[in-house]
Amino acid sequence: MQEIAQKLEHKGVKPTANRMLVYQVLVDQHHPLSLRDLEDELVTMDRSSIFRTLTLFLKHDVIHAFEDGRGVEHYELCRHHDDEDHSASHVHFYCESCGRTYCIEQVSLPQVELPAEYRVHSMSFVVKGLCPQCQKI
């Protein structure tokens, strides 16, 4: 927990017990989680506390969020070590069978050239299909 506290402090976030618990779940799961997933993991915390923590983490670039193509927001840790924008720079995969969302780190988002008057805040790329495990069924 000491390491988590240091990481949060480095990002300008006070390391409270609830914040460290949310962070730990995101570390342990190794894949993006929805608010519902986090609720299932953190049964001692109420939904509003989890959501407030996620909102704070987003503001301080501790995590980034993306919509999975079904209208469900997913959250994952920013694993970069610099202090620049940590938007999701990789592709996400949504399995239509098991409903799990995966980070495909080895595939970068394509470059999108927009007209100069447009300002991008974030970009997401979600591919849908069947994960390797569901293909075996």
N, C-alpha and C. Protein backbone atom coordinates (compact mmCIF):
# COMPACT_ATOMS: atom_id res chain seq x y z
N MET A 1 0.83 -1.20 0.00
CA MET A 1 0.00 0.00 0.00
C MET A 1 0.87 1.27 0.00
N GLN A 2 2.08 1.14 0.53
CA GLN A 2 3.01 2.28 0.56
C GLN A 2 3.31 2.74 -0.87
N GLU A 3 3.53 1.78 -1.77
CA GLU A 3 3.83 2.12 -3.16
C GLU A 3 2.64 2.82 -3.82
N ILE A 4 1.43 2.37 -3.55
CA ILE A 4 0.23 3.00 -4.09
C ILE A 4 0.11 4.43 -3.56
N ALA A 5 0.34 4.61 -2.27
CA ALA A 5 0.27 5.94 -1.67
C ALA A 5 1.26 6.88 -2.35
N GLN A 6 2.47 6.40 -2.61
CA GLN A 6 3.47 7.23 -3.28
C GLN A 6 3.06 7.58 -4.70
N LYS A 7 2.48 6.63 -5.43
CA LYS A 7 2.04 6.89 -6.80
C LYS A 7 0.92 7.93 -6.82
N LEU A 8 -0.01 7.82 -5.90
CA LEU A 8 -1.10 8.79 -5.83
C LEU A 8 -0.58 10.18 -5.46
N GLU A 9 0.30 10.24 -4.48
CA GLU A 9 0.88 11.52 -4.09
C GLU A 9 1.64 12.17 -5.23
N HIS A 10 2.36 11.35 -6.01
CA HIS A 10 3.10 11.86 -7.17
C HIS A 10 2.16 12.53 -8.17
N LYS A 11 0.94 12.04 -8.24
CA LYS A 11 -0.06 12.59 -9.16
C LYS A 11 -0.87 13.72 -8.52
N GLY A 12 -0.58 14.05 -7.27
CA GLY A 12 -1.30 15.13 -6.61
C GLY A 12 -2.60 14.69 -5.96
N VAL A 13 -2.73 13.39 -5.69
CA VAL A 13 -3.95 12.84 -5.08
C VAL A 13 -3.62 12.38 -3.66
N LYS A 14 -4.41 12.85 -2.70
CA LYS A 14 -4.22 12.42 -1.32
C LYS A 14 -4.60 10.94 -1.21
N PRO A 15 -3.72 10.11 -0.68
CA PRO A 15 -3.98 8.66 -0.64
C PRO A 15 -4.87 8.23 0.53
N THR A 16 -6.17 8.36 0.38
CA THR A 16 -7.10 7.89 1.41
C THR A 16 -7.28 6.38 1.26
N ALA A 17 -7.88 5.77 2.25
CA ALA A 17 -8.10 4.32 2.23
C ALA A 17 -8.93 3.91 1.01
N ASN A 18 -10.03 4.62 0.74
CA ASN A 18 -10.88 4.27 -0.40
C ASN A 18 -10.14 4.42 -1.72
N ARG A 19 -9.38 5.47 -1.87
CA ARG A 19 -8.65 5.70 -3.12
C ARG A 19 -7.61 4.61 -3.34
N MET A 20 -6.96 4.20 -2.27
CA MET A 20 -5.96 3.14 -2.41
C MET A 20 -6.63 1.80 -2.73
N LEU A 21 -7.81 1.57 -2.20
CA LEU A 21 -8.54 0.33 -2.52
C LEU A 21 -8.93 0.29 -4.00
N VAL A 22 -9.47 1.39 -4.51
CA VAL A 22 -9.85 1.44 -5.93
C VAL A 22 -8.62 1.23 -6.80
N TYR A 23 -7.54 1.90 -6.47
CA TYR A 23 -6.30 1.76 -7.22
C TYR A 23 -5.83 0.30 -7.21
N GLN A 24 -5.85 -0.33 -6.03
CA GLN A 24 -5.40 -1.72 -5.90
C GLN A 24 -6.23 -2.66 -6.77
N VAL A 25 -7.53 -2.46 -6.82
CA VAL A 25 -8.38 -3.31 -7.66
C VAL A 25 -8.01 -3.14 -9.14
N LEU A 26 -7.76 -1.91 -9.56
CA LEU A 26 -7.36 -1.67 -10.94
C LEU A 26 -6.03 -2.33 -11.26
N VAL A 27 -5.12 -2.35 -10.30
CA VAL A 27 -3.84 -3.04 -10.48
C VAL A 27 -4.05 -4.55 -10.57
N ASP A 28 -4.81 -5.10 -9.65
CA ASP A 28 -4.99 -6.55 -9.54
C ASP A 28 -5.72 -7.17 -10.73
N GLN A 29 -6.64 -6.46 -11.33
CA GLN A 29 -7.48 -7.05 -12.37
C GLN A 29 -6.80 -7.16 -13.74
N HIS A 30 -5.82 -6.34 -14.02
CA HIS A 30 -5.05 -6.42 -15.27
C HIS A 30 -5.87 -6.20 -16.54
N HIS A 31 -7.05 -5.67 -16.41
CA HIS A 31 -7.87 -5.32 -17.59
C HIS A 31 -8.81 -4.19 -17.20
N PRO A 32 -9.31 -3.45 -18.19
CA PRO A 32 -10.21 -2.33 -17.89
C PRO A 32 -11.47 -2.80 -17.16
N LEU A 33 -11.95 -1.96 -16.25
CA LEU A 33 -13.13 -2.28 -15.45
C LEU A 33 -14.19 -1.20 -15.58
N SER A 34 -15.43 -1.62 -15.58
CA SER A 34 -16.55 -0.68 -15.56
C SER A 34 -16.86 -0.32 -14.11
N LEU A 35 -17.70 0.67 -13.93
CA LEU A 35 -18.14 1.03 -12.58
C LEU A 35 -18.79 -0.18 -11.91
N ARG A 36 -19.59 -0.90 -12.65
CA ARG A 36 -20.26 -2.10 -12.11
C ARG A 36 -19.24 -3.15 -11.67
N ASP A 37 -18.19 -3.35 -12.48
CA ASP A 37 -17.13 -4.30 -12.11
C ASP A 37 -16.48 -3.88 -10.80
N LEU A 38 -16.20 -2.58 -10.68
CA LEU A 38 -15.58 -2.08 -9.45
C LEU A 38 -16.51 -2.25 -8.25
N GLU A 39 -17.80 -2.03 -8.45
CA GLU A 39 -18.77 -2.23 -7.37
C GLU A 39 -18.75 -3.68 -6.90
N ASP A 40 -18.67 -4.61 -7.85
CA ASP A 40 -18.64 -6.03 -7.51
C ASP A 40 -17.39 -6.41 -6.72
N GLU A 41 -16.27 -5.74 -7.02
CA GLU A 41 -15.01 -6.01 -6.33
C GLU A 41 -14.93 -5.31 -4.98
N LEU A 42 -15.54 -4.14 -4.88
CA LEU A 42 -15.42 -3.31 -3.67
C LEU A 42 -16.77 -3.26 -2.95
N VAL A 43 -17.19 -4.37 -2.43
CA VAL A 43 -18.52 -4.47 -1.82
C VAL A 43 -18.67 -3.60 -0.57
N THR A 44 -17.56 -3.19 0.02
CA THR A 44 -17.63 -2.34 1.23
C THR A 44 -17.75 -0.86 0.89
N MET A 45 -17.62 -0.51 -0.39
CA MET A 45 -17.73 0.90 -0.81
C MET A 45 -19.02 1.11 -1.59
N ASP A 46 -19.65 2.26 -1.41
CA ASP A 46 -20.85 2.54 -2.17
C ASP A 46 -20.49 3.11 -3.54
N ARG A 47 -21.43 3.01 -4.44
CA ARG A 47 -21.25 3.42 -5.84
C ARG A 47 -20.77 4.87 -5.96
N SER A 48 -21.35 5.77 -5.18
CA SER A 48 -20.98 7.18 -5.30
C SER A 48 -19.53 7.42 -4.87
N SER A 49 -19.06 6.70 -3.86
CA SER A 49 -17.66 6.84 -3.43
C SER A 49 -16.71 6.34 -4.51
N ILE A 50 -17.05 5.24 -5.13
CA ILE A 50 -16.22 4.71 -6.21
C ILE A 50 -16.21 5.70 -7.37
N PHE A 51 -17.37 6.21 -7.73
CA PHE A 51 -17.46 7.15 -8.85
C PHE A 51 -16.68 8.44 -8.57
N ARG A 52 -16.79 8.96 -7.36
CA ARG A 52 -16.02 10.17 -7.00
C ARG A 52 -14.51 9.91 -7.11
N THR A 53 -14.09 8.73 -6.68
CA THR A 53 -12.67 8.37 -6.78
C THR A 53 -12.24 8.28 -8.24
N LEU A 54 -13.05 7.66 -9.08
CA LEU A 54 -12.73 7.57 -10.50
C LEU A 54 -12.64 8.96 -11.15
N THR A 55 -13.57 9.82 -10.78
CA THR A 55 -13.56 11.19 -11.32
C THR A 55 -12.29 11.92 -10.92
N LEU A 56 -11.88 11.78 -9.69
CA LEU A 56 -10.64 12.40 -9.21
C LEU A 56 -9.43 11.81 -9.93
N PHE A 57 -9.41 10.49 -10.07
CA PHE A 57 -8.31 9.82 -10.77
C PHE A 57 -8.21 10.28 -12.22
N LEU A 58 -9.35 10.47 -12.88
CA LEU A 58 -9.34 10.96 -14.26
C LEU A 58 -8.75 12.36 -14.33
N LYS A 59 -9.16 13.21 -13.41
CA LYS A 59 -8.70 14.60 -13.39
C LYS A 59 -7.19 14.69 -13.21
N HIS A 60 -6.62 13.76 -12.47
CA HIS A 60 -5.18 13.78 -12.17
C HIS A 60 -4.37 12.79 -13.02
N ASP A 61 -4.95 12.28 -14.08
CA ASP A 61 -4.28 11.34 -15.00
C ASP A 61 -3.74 10.10 -14.31
N VAL A 62 -4.44 9.63 -13.28
CA VAL A 62 -4.09 8.36 -12.65
C VAL A 62 -4.65 7.23 -13.51
N ILE A 63 -5.83 7.46 -14.07
CA ILE A 63 -6.49 6.50 -14.94
C ILE A 63 -6.93 7.21 -16.22
N HIS A 64 -7.32 6.41 -17.21
CA HIS A 64 -8.03 6.97 -18.35
C HIS A 64 -9.29 6.12 -18.56
N ALA A 65 -10.22 6.67 -19.29
CA ALA A 65 -11.51 6.01 -19.50
C ALA A 65 -11.80 5.94 -20.98
N PHE A 66 -12.56 4.95 -21.36
CA PHE A 66 -13.02 4.82 -22.73
C PHE A 66 -14.36 4.11 -22.73
N GLU A 67 -15.14 4.39 -23.72
CA GLU A 67 -16.45 3.76 -23.90
C GLU A 67 -16.23 2.49 -24.71
N ASP A 68 -16.82 1.39 -24.29
CA ASP A 68 -16.52 0.08 -24.88
C ASP A 68 -17.32 -0.26 -26.14
N GLY A 69 -18.05 0.69 -26.68
CA GLY A 69 -18.83 0.41 -27.88
C GLY A 69 -20.26 0.02 -27.58
N ARG A 70 -20.58 -0.21 -26.30
CA ARG A 70 -21.95 -0.52 -25.88
C ARG A 70 -22.52 0.59 -25.02
N GLY A 71 -21.74 1.66 -24.85
CA GLY A 71 -22.17 2.76 -24.01
C GLY A 71 -21.72 2.64 -22.56
N VAL A 72 -20.85 1.68 -22.27
CA VAL A 72 -20.37 1.47 -20.91
C VAL A 72 -18.94 2.00 -20.80
N GLU A 73 -18.73 2.89 -19.85
CA GLU A 73 -17.41 3.46 -19.61
C GLU A 73 -16.55 2.45 -18.87
N HIS A 74 -15.31 2.30 -19.32
CA HIS A 74 -14.33 1.43 -18.66
C HIS A 74 -13.14 2.27 -18.23
N TYR A 75 -12.50 1.83 -17.16
CA TYR A 75 -11.39 2.58 -16.57
C TYR A 75 -10.18 1.68 -16.45
N GLU A 76 -9.00 2.27 -16.71
CA GLU A 76 -7.76 1.53 -16.51
C GLU A 76 -6.67 2.50 -16.11
N LEU A 77 -5.68 1.96 -15.43
CA LEU A 77 -4.57 2.78 -14.96
C LEU A 77 -3.77 3.31 -16.13
N CYS A 78 -3.27 4.53 -15.98
CA CYS A 78 -2.30 5.07 -16.92
C CYS A 78 -0.97 4.46 -16.53
N ARG A 79 -0.41 3.68 -17.39
CA ARG A 79 0.82 2.96 -17.05
C ARG A 79 2.07 3.67 -17.53
N HIS A 80 1.91 4.89 -18.06
CA HIS A 80 3.05 5.67 -18.50
C HIS A 80 3.70 6.31 -17.30
N HIS A 81 4.97 6.59 -17.40
CA HIS A 81 5.71 7.14 -16.26
C HIS A 81 5.95 8.64 -16.36
N ASP A 82 5.59 9.25 -17.47
CA ASP A 82 5.79 10.70 -17.58
C ASP A 82 4.54 11.43 -17.12
N ASP A 83 4.60 12.74 -17.12
CA ASP A 83 3.47 13.53 -16.63
C ASP A 83 2.66 14.15 -17.74
N GLU A 84 2.80 13.65 -18.96
CA GLU A 84 2.03 14.19 -20.08
C GLU A 84 0.67 13.53 -20.11
N ASP A 85 -0.14 13.94 -21.09
CA ASP A 85 -1.49 13.40 -21.24
C ASP A 85 -1.42 11.88 -21.38
N HIS A 86 -2.25 11.18 -20.62
CA HIS A 86 -2.25 9.72 -20.64
C HIS A 86 -3.52 9.16 -21.25
N SER A 87 -3.95 9.75 -22.33
CA SER A 87 -5.14 9.20 -22.99
C SER A 87 -4.82 7.80 -23.50
N ALA A 88 -5.82 7.03 -23.68
CA ALA A 88 -5.63 5.65 -24.13
C ALA A 88 -5.01 5.66 -25.51
N SER A 89 -3.74 5.26 -25.61
CA SER A 89 -3.03 5.31 -26.88
C SER A 89 -2.95 3.95 -27.54
N HIS A 90 -3.79 3.04 -27.10
CA HIS A 90 -3.81 1.70 -27.67
C HIS A 90 -5.25 1.28 -27.97
N VAL A 91 -5.37 0.21 -28.70
CA VAL A 91 -6.67 -0.33 -29.11
C VAL A 91 -7.26 -1.15 -27.96
N HIS A 92 -8.57 -1.12 -27.85
CA HIS A 92 -9.29 -1.96 -26.88
C HIS A 92 -10.15 -2.96 -27.65
N PHE A 93 -10.31 -4.14 -27.07
CA PHE A 93 -11.09 -5.20 -27.70
C PHE A 93 -12.22 -5.60 -26.76
N TYR A 94 -13.45 -5.61 -27.29
CA TYR A 94 -14.61 -6.02 -26.51
C TYR A 94 -15.07 -7.38 -27.03
N CYS A 95 -15.10 -8.39 -26.14
CA CYS A 95 -15.56 -9.72 -26.53
C CYS A 95 -17.09 -9.76 -26.45
N GLU A 96 -17.72 -10.04 -27.55
CA GLU A 96 -19.18 -10.08 -27.62
C GLU A 96 -19.78 -11.30 -26.95
N SER A 97 -18.95 -12.28 -26.60
CA SER A 97 -19.45 -13.47 -25.93
C SER A 97 -19.37 -13.35 -24.41
N CYS A 98 -18.18 -13.11 -23.88
CA CYS A 98 -18.01 -13.05 -22.42
C CYS A 98 -18.21 -11.65 -21.85
N GLY A 99 -18.20 -10.62 -22.70
CA GLY A 99 -18.43 -9.25 -22.24
C GLY A 99 -17.21 -8.58 -21.62
N ARG A 100 -16.07 -9.23 -21.70
CA ARG A 100 -14.85 -8.65 -21.12
C ARG A 100 -14.18 -7.70 -22.12
N THR A 101 -13.54 -6.67 -21.60
CA THR A 101 -12.81 -5.72 -22.43
C THR A 101 -11.32 -5.89 -22.18
N TYR A 102 -10.55 -5.92 -23.24
CA TYR A 102 -9.11 -6.14 -23.17
C TYR A 102 -8.35 -4.94 -23.73
N CYS A 103 -7.18 -4.68 -23.18
CA CYS A 103 -6.25 -3.71 -23.76
C CYS A 103 -5.36 -4.48 -24.74
N ILE A 104 -5.25 -3.96 -25.93
CA ILE A 104 -4.33 -4.54 -26.90
C ILE A 104 -3.18 -3.55 -27.03
N GLU A 105 -2.25 -3.65 -26.10
CA GLU A 105 -1.16 -2.68 -25.97
C GLU A 105 -0.26 -2.63 -27.20
N GLN A 106 -0.11 -3.77 -27.88
CA GLN A 106 0.81 -3.82 -29.00
C GLN A 106 0.27 -3.17 -30.27
N VAL A 107 -0.98 -2.71 -30.25
CA VAL A 107 -1.57 -2.04 -31.41
C VAL A 107 -1.89 -0.59 -31.02
N SER A 108 -1.19 0.35 -31.64
CA SER A 108 -1.39 1.77 -31.36
C SER A 108 -2.59 2.30 -32.12
N LEU A 109 -3.16 3.37 -31.60
CA LEU A 109 -4.25 4.04 -32.31
C LEU A 109 -3.72 4.64 -33.60
N PRO A 110 -4.52 4.61 -34.65
CA PRO A 110 -4.09 5.24 -35.90
C PRO A 110 -4.03 6.76 -35.73
N GLN A 111 -3.16 7.40 -36.50
CA GLN A 111 -3.08 8.86 -36.50
C GLN A 111 -4.31 9.41 -37.22
N VAL A 112 -4.94 10.39 -36.65
CA VAL A 112 -6.09 11.03 -37.26
C VAL A 112 -5.77 12.51 -37.42
N GLU A 113 -5.73 12.95 -38.65
CA GLU A 113 -5.44 14.36 -38.94
C GLU A 113 -6.76 15.11 -39.05
N LEU A 114 -7.00 16.01 -38.12
CA LEU A 114 -8.22 16.82 -38.13
C LEU A 114 -7.87 18.23 -38.59
N PRO A 115 -8.85 18.96 -39.09
CA PRO A 115 -8.61 20.36 -39.44
C PRO A 115 -8.11 21.13 -38.22
N ALA A 116 -7.32 22.16 -38.44
CA ALA A 116 -6.66 22.92 -37.37
C ALA A 116 -7.62 23.48 -36.33
N GLU A 117 -8.84 23.80 -36.72
CA GLU A 117 -9.77 24.41 -35.77
C GLU A 117 -10.39 23.41 -34.78
N TYR A 118 -10.09 22.13 -34.92
CA TYR A 118 -10.60 21.11 -34.00
C TYR A 118 -9.54 20.78 -32.96
N ARG A 119 -9.97 20.62 -31.73
CA ARG A 119 -9.06 20.27 -30.64
C ARG A 119 -9.49 18.93 -30.06
N VAL A 120 -8.62 17.96 -30.08
CA VAL A 120 -8.90 16.61 -29.58
C VAL A 120 -8.60 16.54 -28.10
N HIS A 121 -9.54 16.00 -27.33
CA HIS A 121 -9.33 15.78 -25.89
C HIS A 121 -9.00 14.33 -25.62
N SER A 122 -9.60 13.43 -26.38
CA SER A 122 -9.31 12.01 -26.22
C SER A 122 -9.73 11.28 -27.48
N MET A 123 -9.23 10.07 -27.60
CA MET A 123 -9.57 9.26 -28.76
C MET A 123 -9.65 7.81 -28.28
N SER A 124 -10.59 7.07 -28.82
CA SER A 124 -10.77 5.68 -28.43
C SER A 124 -11.00 4.84 -29.67
N PHE A 125 -10.52 3.62 -29.62
CA PHE A 125 -10.70 2.71 -30.73
C PHE A 125 -11.04 1.36 -30.13
N VAL A 126 -12.27 0.87 -30.37
CA VAL A 126 -12.72 -0.40 -29.82
C VAL A 126 -13.03 -1.35 -30.96
N VAL A 127 -12.44 -2.52 -30.89
CA VAL A 127 -12.69 -3.59 -31.84
C VAL A 127 -13.57 -4.61 -31.14
N LYS A 128 -14.60 -5.12 -31.82
CA LYS A 128 -15.50 -6.10 -31.22
C LYS A 128 -15.36 -7.44 -31.92
N GLY A 129 -15.51 -8.50 -31.17
CA GLY A 129 -15.42 -9.84 -31.73
C GLY A 129 -15.40 -10.86 -30.62
N LEU A 130 -14.64 -11.95 -30.83
CA LEU A 130 -14.52 -13.00 -29.83
C LEU A 130 -13.08 -13.10 -29.34
N CYS A 131 -12.92 -13.14 -28.03
CA CYS A 131 -11.58 -13.28 -27.44
C CYS A 131 -11.08 -14.70 -27.68
N PRO A 132 -9.80 -14.95 -27.50
CA PRO A 132 -9.25 -16.31 -27.72
C PRO A 132 -9.95 -17.38 -26.91
N GLN A 133 -10.30 -17.12 -25.64
CA GLN A 133 -10.97 -18.13 -24.82
C GLN A 133 -12.36 -18.47 -25.35
N CYS A 134 -13.12 -17.45 -25.76
CA CYS A 134 -14.48 -17.69 -26.25
C CYS A 134 -14.48 -18.38 -27.61
N GLN A 135 -13.43 -18.21 -28.38
CA GLN A 135 -13.33 -18.89 -29.67
C GLN A 135 -13.18 -20.40 -29.49
N LYS A 136 -12.64 -20.84 -28.35
CA LYS A 136 -12.42 -22.26 -28.09
C LYS A 136 -13.70 -22.99 -27.69
N ILE A 137 -14.70 -22.21 -27.30
CA ILE A 137 -15.95 -22.83 -26.79
C ILE A 137 -16.78 -23.34 -27.94
